[in-house]
Protein backbone atom coordinates (compact mmCIF):
# COMPACT_ATOMS: atom_id res chain seq x y z
CA MET A 1 20.05 -3.73 -9.02
CA LYS A 2 16.77 -5.45 -9.86
CA LYS A 3 15.86 -5.92 -13.48
CA ASN A 4 12.82 -4.11 -14.86
CA TYR A 5 10.21 -6.85 -15.05
CA LYS A 6 8.37 -5.15 -17.93
CA GLU A 7 11.39 -5.77 -20.16
CA LEU A 8 10.98 -9.50 -19.55
CA LEU A 9 7.25 -9.85 -20.26
CA ASN A 10 7.64 -10.25 -24.03
CA ALA A 11 9.89 -13.32 -23.63
CA ILE A 12 7.39 -15.24 -21.46
CA THR A 13 5.85 -18.35 -23.04
CA THR A 14 5.36 -20.35 -19.85
CA PHE A 15 3.56 -19.66 -16.59
CA VAL A 16 4.28 -21.70 -13.45
CA PHE A 17 2.14 -21.13 -10.37
CA ASP A 18 1.92 -22.30 -6.80
CA VAL A 19 -1.68 -22.80 -5.59
CA ASP A 20 -2.17 -21.99 -1.90
CA GLY A 21 -1.53 -18.29 -1.36
CA VAL A 22 -1.50 -17.61 -5.11
CA PHE A 23 -4.73 -19.00 -6.57
CA THR A 24 -6.20 -18.97 -3.06
CA ASP A 25 -5.90 -16.53 -0.18
CA GLY A 26 -4.08 -19.21 1.79
CA SER A 27 -7.06 -19.99 4.00
CA ILE A 28 -8.29 -23.54 4.43
CA LEU A 29 -11.84 -24.20 5.57
CA ILE A 30 -12.16 -27.53 7.34
CA THR A 31 -15.50 -29.31 7.40
CA THR A 32 -16.65 -31.47 10.32
CA SER A 33 -15.67 -34.53 8.29
CA GLY A 34 -12.12 -33.18 7.89
CA GLU A 35 -12.42 -32.15 4.23
CA MET A 36 -10.29 -29.10 3.42
CA LEU A 37 -11.90 -26.49 1.20
CA ARG A 38 -10.27 -23.61 -0.69
CA LYS A 39 -11.68 -20.61 -2.51
CA MET A 40 -10.38 -19.56 -5.95
CA ASN A 41 -11.05 -16.42 -7.96
CA VAL A 42 -12.93 -16.88 -11.26
CA LYS A 43 -11.04 -13.97 -12.81
CA ASP A 44 -7.80 -15.88 -12.27
CA GLY A 45 -9.45 -18.88 -13.92
CA TYR A 46 -10.53 -16.82 -16.93
CA ALA A 47 -7.00 -15.48 -17.43
CA LEU A 48 -5.48 -18.94 -17.06
CA LYS A 49 -7.89 -20.42 -19.60
CA THR A 50 -7.20 -17.54 -21.99
CA ALA A 51 -3.43 -18.10 -21.74
CA LEU A 52 -3.90 -21.79 -22.53
CA GLN A 53 -6.17 -21.00 -25.48
CA LYS A 54 -3.54 -18.61 -26.84
CA GLY A 55 -0.91 -21.38 -26.72
CA TYR A 56 1.01 -20.51 -23.57
CA ASN A 57 2.38 -23.29 -21.37
CA VAL A 58 0.97 -23.52 -17.86
CA CYS A 59 2.28 -25.65 -15.02
CA ILE A 60 1.08 -25.89 -11.44
CA ILE A 61 3.46 -26.91 -8.65
CA SER A 62 1.95 -27.17 -5.18
CA GLY A 63 2.88 -28.67 -1.87
CA GLY A 64 -0.82 -29.34 -1.32
CA THR A 65 -2.54 -32.56 -2.35
CA ASN A 66 -6.19 -31.52 -2.66
CA GLU A 67 -7.92 -33.40 -5.48
CA GLY A 68 -10.59 -30.69 -5.73
CA VAL A 69 -7.88 -28.17 -6.63
CA LYS A 70 -6.55 -30.56 -9.26
CA GLU A 71 -10.02 -31.04 -10.77
CA ARG A 72 -10.63 -27.29 -10.92
CA LEU A 73 -7.34 -26.69 -12.73
CA LYS A 74 -7.89 -29.63 -15.09
CA GLY A 75 -11.33 -28.18 -15.84
CA LEU A 76 -9.61 -24.98 -16.96
CA GLY A 77 -7.36 -26.98 -19.28
CA VAL A 78 -4.18 -27.33 -17.23
CA THR A 79 -2.55 -30.72 -17.86
CA ASP A 80 0.74 -30.30 -15.99
CA ILE A 81 -0.12 -30.35 -12.30
CA TYR A 82 2.38 -31.42 -9.65
CA LEU A 83 0.81 -31.87 -6.22
CA GLY A 84 2.59 -32.85 -3.01
CA ALA A 85 5.76 -31.12 -4.24
CA HIS A 86 7.81 -30.06 -1.24
CA HIS A 87 11.04 -29.49 -3.22
CA LYS A 88 9.46 -27.51 -6.04
CA GLN A 89 12.62 -27.13 -8.09
CA ASP A 90 12.54 -30.88 -8.90
CA PRO A 91 9.16 -30.87 -10.70
CA LEU A 92 10.08 -27.56 -12.35
CA GLU A 93 13.29 -29.05 -13.74
CA GLU A 94 11.35 -32.11 -14.94
CA TYR A 95 8.67 -29.97 -16.59
CA LEU A 96 11.20 -27.74 -18.38
CA ASP A 97 13.11 -30.80 -19.55
CA VAL A 98 10.07 -32.74 -20.80
CA TYR A 99 8.85 -29.79 -22.89
CA ASN A 100 12.31 -28.43 -23.73
CA ILE A 101 11.46 -25.02 -22.27
CA ASN A 102 14.18 -22.43 -21.71
CA PRO A 103 14.02 -20.91 -18.19
CA LYS A 104 14.48 -17.50 -19.90
CA ASN A 105 10.89 -17.88 -21.13
CA VAL A 106 9.38 -18.81 -17.75
CA LEU A 107 7.45 -16.79 -15.19
CA TYR A 108 6.91 -18.28 -11.71
CA MET A 109 4.51 -16.92 -9.11
CA GLY A 110 4.86 -18.07 -5.53
CA ASP A 111 4.12 -16.74 -2.08
CA ASP A 112 6.10 -18.68 0.53
CA LEU A 113 9.56 -20.03 1.34
CA PRO A 114 9.30 -23.32 -0.66
CA ASP A 115 8.77 -21.18 -3.79
CA ILE A 116 12.14 -19.41 -3.53
CA PRO A 117 14.33 -22.12 -5.16
CA PRO A 118 12.17 -22.42 -8.32
CA MET A 119 11.73 -18.64 -8.46
CA LYS A 120 15.51 -18.32 -8.67
CA MET A 121 15.56 -20.74 -11.64
CA VAL A 122 13.39 -18.68 -14.01
CA ALA A 123 13.55 -15.37 -15.87
CA LEU A 124 10.67 -13.67 -14.07
CA ALA A 125 9.94 -14.26 -10.38
CA THR A 126 6.59 -12.84 -9.26
CA ALA A 127 4.53 -12.80 -6.08
CA PRO A 128 1.14 -11.76 -4.78
CA GLN A 129 0.97 -8.64 -2.60
CA ASN A 130 0.53 -10.74 0.56
CA ALA A 131 3.50 -13.05 -0.05
CA VAL A 132 6.02 -13.48 2.76
CA ALA A 133 8.78 -10.86 2.95
CA GLU A 134 11.52 -13.25 1.79
CA VAL A 135 9.61 -14.06 -1.43
CA LYS A 136 8.80 -10.42 -2.10
CA ALA A 137 12.48 -9.56 -1.63
CA ILE A 138 13.58 -11.84 -4.48
CA SER A 139 10.63 -11.10 -6.77
CA ASP A 140 11.04 -9.09 -9.95
CA TYR A 141 7.38 -8.12 -9.68
CA VAL A 142 4.99 -8.04 -6.72
CA SER A 143 1.36 -7.79 -7.79
CA HIS A 144 -0.88 -5.13 -6.30
CA LYS A 145 -3.40 -8.00 -5.82
CA ASN A 146 -3.32 -10.53 -2.99
CA GLY A 147 -3.35 -14.29 -3.43
CA GLY A 148 -6.84 -15.50 -4.28
CA GLU A 149 -7.87 -11.96 -5.22
CA GLY A 150 -6.67 -11.67 -8.82
CA CYS A 151 -2.86 -11.77 -8.71
CA VAL A 152 -2.80 -14.58 -11.30
CA ARG A 153 -5.04 -12.56 -13.61
CA ASP A 154 -2.86 -9.49 -13.05
CA ILE A 155 0.36 -11.07 -14.29
CA ILE A 156 -1.17 -13.17 -17.08
CA GLU A 157 -3.03 -10.15 -18.41
CA GLN A 158 0.18 -8.08 -18.41
CA VAL A 159 2.06 -10.72 -20.42
CA LEU A 160 -0.76 -11.31 -22.88
CA LYS A 161 -1.35 -7.58 -23.42
CA VAL A 162 2.33 -6.95 -24.18
CA LYS A 163 2.19 -9.72 -26.78
CA GLY A 164 -1.17 -8.69 -28.26
CA ASP A 165 -2.89 -11.86 -27.03
CA TRP A 166 -5.34 -10.41 -24.49
CA ASN A 167 -9.09 -10.63 -25.21
CA ASP A 168 -9.86 -6.99 -24.55
CA ASN A 169 -11.70 -6.20 -27.77
CA PHE A 170 -15.15 -7.59 -27.00
CA SER A 171 -18.02 -5.62 -28.46
CA ALA A 172 -21.78 -5.90 -28.65
CA LYS A 173 -21.55 -7.71 -31.99
CA ASN A 174 -19.73 -10.60 -30.26
CA ASP A 175 -22.60 -11.24 -27.84
């Protein structure tokens, strides 16, 4: 029987995300010069930046090697970015060890087969709606949003709201 993911949200202090298929829709646009371009959702970026500002740990583990992706994530404040990771459990183990993070406090969102081993290492395995069937089958939570269309925001917002850390009390006086 699967655990109720909502019971695990309060323990989360660390978010780990794949990039392609999670922050992006998985499409790659290729220019005539061979440059590969990706599209990311600004709402995901806002949520990620908010989590960092509230003191949550964020780590990115991707098989891709695009420097533009790295610069975008660094611009949002992410410092722990592992690119070119084809065995994603290795950088995850390193990251948890370096920062002495308990896997019981970690959420991982992935969308494809290389994400399964690290997803099995953490407390809360999550996936975008358009993840492959094998990833969805082992996920504790599958977002109603697709990769690149707000799935990162969806899960970060849920965690932060449960813990009272979400910025949902803006009013006219704050403008």
